[in-house]
């Protein structure tokens, strides 16, 4: 799981996070189902949105290609969503370098029960 740095959470929910890229943090030692349960027990809502983002990254190592792909996929999540769940990662090797394809699913954590319909900026 990844949370935007400005993602509001219930007072009782404070997962261990590590900065990942510009405005995202990686949630450590907690999967999406566990985070979902914590948020719902606090009376908030963890919404599963049917919007995903896939991006590629390349590098001389698997780690470099993976990091680049994840960073790009997170930047592709619309600004209106404050969380993202890692969906998949495929890595291949071509002509001595690695190509990674990462997919992230958009998520929303909020107090309200309905997802506001606002205009997304491209």
Protein backbone atom coordinates (compact mmCIF):
# COMPACT_ATOMS: atom_id res chain seq x y z
CA UNK A 1 0.00 0.00 0.00
CA UNK A 2 1.03 3.56 -0.70
CA UNK A 3 -0.46 6.70 0.86
CA UNK A 4 -0.08 10.27 -0.30
CA UNK A 5 1.88 12.28 2.23
CA UNK A 6 -1.17 14.49 2.90
CA UNK A 7 -3.57 11.52 3.31
CA UNK A 8 -5.80 12.10 6.35
CA UNK A 9 -6.34 9.04 8.54
CA UNK A 10 -8.43 8.42 11.65
CA UNK A 11 -6.60 9.30 14.89
CA UNK A 12 -6.44 5.62 15.87
CA UNK A 13 -4.76 4.61 12.60
CA UNK A 14 -1.09 5.47 12.26
CA UNK A 15 0.73 2.85 10.16
CA UNK A 16 4.49 2.84 9.86
CA UNK A 17 5.38 4.62 6.62
CA UNK A 18 8.51 5.26 4.60
CA UNK A 19 8.83 8.07 2.07
CA UNK A 20 8.88 6.60 -1.42
CA UNK A 21 8.74 9.35 -4.03
CA UNK A 22 7.66 12.97 -4.36
CA UNK A 23 4.35 12.84 -2.50
CA UNK A 24 3.90 9.16 -1.66
CA UNK A 25 4.85 6.96 1.29
CA UNK A 26 5.01 3.17 1.38
CA UNK A 27 3.04 1.56 4.23
CA UNK A 28 5.33 -0.93 5.98
CA UNK A 29 4.35 -4.24 7.61
CA UNK A 30 0.65 -3.86 6.76
CA UNK A 31 -1.26 -5.20 3.77
CA UNK A 32 -4.33 -3.57 2.23
CA UNK A 33 -6.82 -5.90 3.97
CA UNK A 34 -5.37 -5.09 7.40
CA UNK A 35 -5.33 -1.35 6.68
CA UNK A 36 -8.91 -1.58 5.41
CA UNK A 37 -10.02 -3.28 8.65
CA UNK A 38 -8.31 -0.66 10.83
CA UNK A 39 -9.89 2.19 8.88
CA UNK A 40 -13.38 0.66 8.99
CA UNK A 41 -13.15 -0.06 12.73
CA UNK A 42 -12.41 3.64 13.19
CA UNK A 43 -15.66 4.48 11.34
CA UNK A 44 -13.98 5.67 8.15
CA UNK A 45 -14.17 4.25 4.63
CA UNK A 46 -11.53 2.60 2.44
CA UNK A 47 -12.88 2.77 -1.08
CA UNK A 48 -11.83 0.47 -3.88
CA UNK A 49 -11.87 2.51 -7.08
CA UNK A 50 -11.79 0.84 -10.48
CA UNK A 51 -8.99 3.00 -11.81
CA UNK A 52 -5.55 1.58 -12.35
CA UNK A 53 -2.32 2.94 -13.73
CA UNK A 54 0.43 0.92 -15.42
CA UNK A 55 3.83 2.37 -16.23
CA UNK A 56 7.21 1.10 -17.38
CA UNK A 57 10.67 1.76 -16.07
CA UNK A 58 14.08 0.64 -17.27
CA UNK A 59 17.53 0.35 -15.79
CA UNK A 60 20.73 -1.64 -15.58
CA UNK A 61 19.41 -3.48 -12.50
CA UNK A 62 16.03 -4.98 -11.61
CA UNK A 63 15.84 -2.66 -8.60
CA UNK A 64 16.38 0.48 -10.69
CA UNK A 65 13.80 -0.54 -13.28
CA UNK A 66 11.29 -1.53 -10.59
CA UNK A 67 11.71 1.70 -8.62
CA UNK A 68 11.29 3.77 -11.78
CA UNK A 69 8.15 1.87 -12.84
CA UNK A 70 6.57 2.16 -9.37
CA UNK A 71 7.38 5.87 -9.18
CA UNK A 72 5.85 6.49 -12.60
CA UNK A 73 2.73 4.42 -11.81
CA UNK A 74 2.17 6.36 -8.59
CA UNK A 75 2.53 9.67 -10.44
CA UNK A 76 -0.16 8.39 -12.82
CA UNK A 77 -2.73 7.99 -10.02
CA UNK A 78 -5.18 10.90 -10.26
CA UNK A 79 -4.63 13.60 -7.64
CA UNK A 80 -8.12 13.15 -6.21
CA UNK A 81 -7.17 9.71 -4.80
CA UNK A 82 -5.11 9.57 -1.63
CA UNK A 83 -4.01 5.93 -1.66
CA UNK A 84 -2.79 3.31 -4.11
CA UNK A 85 -2.47 -0.44 -3.91
CA UNK A 86 0.29 -2.34 -5.65
CA UNK A 87 -1.32 -4.71 -8.15
CA UNK A 88 1.41 -6.30 -10.24
CA UNK A 89 4.99 -6.13 -11.45
CA UNK A 90 6.50 -7.79 -14.53
CA UNK A 91 10.21 -7.63 -15.22
CA UNK A 92 11.99 -8.63 -18.41
CA UNK A 93 15.55 -8.34 -19.63
CA UNK A 94 16.32 -6.94 -23.07
CA UNK A 95 19.76 -6.30 -24.55
CA UNK A 96 21.45 -6.22 -21.14
CA UNK A 97 19.03 -3.94 -19.32
CA UNK A 98 15.83 -4.53 -17.38
CA UNK A 99 12.32 -3.34 -18.18
CA UNK A 100 9.72 -3.35 -15.41
CA UNK A 101 5.99 -2.82 -15.82
CA UNK A 102 4.18 -1.86 -12.59
CA UNK A 103 0.43 -1.52 -12.07
CA UNK A 104 -1.18 0.41 -9.20
CA UNK A 105 -4.87 0.52 -8.28
CA UNK A 106 -6.32 3.84 -7.07
CA UNK A 107 -7.88 3.84 -3.59
CA UNK A 108 -9.57 6.47 -1.44
CA UNK A 109 -9.60 6.78 2.36
CA UNK A 110 -12.15 9.21 3.80
CA UNK A 111 -14.76 9.81 6.49
CA UNK A 112 -17.69 10.27 4.08
CA UNK A 113 -19.52 7.31 2.60
CA UNK A 114 -19.70 8.61 -0.95
CA UNK A 115 -16.93 9.40 -3.35
CA UNK A 116 -17.37 12.99 -4.47
CA UNK A 117 -17.73 13.41 -8.20
CA UNK A 118 -15.21 16.11 -8.99
CA UNK A 119 -13.53 17.02 -12.23
CA UNK A 120 -10.20 15.26 -12.59
CA UNK A 121 -7.39 17.35 -13.99
CA UNK A 122 -5.31 15.66 -16.65
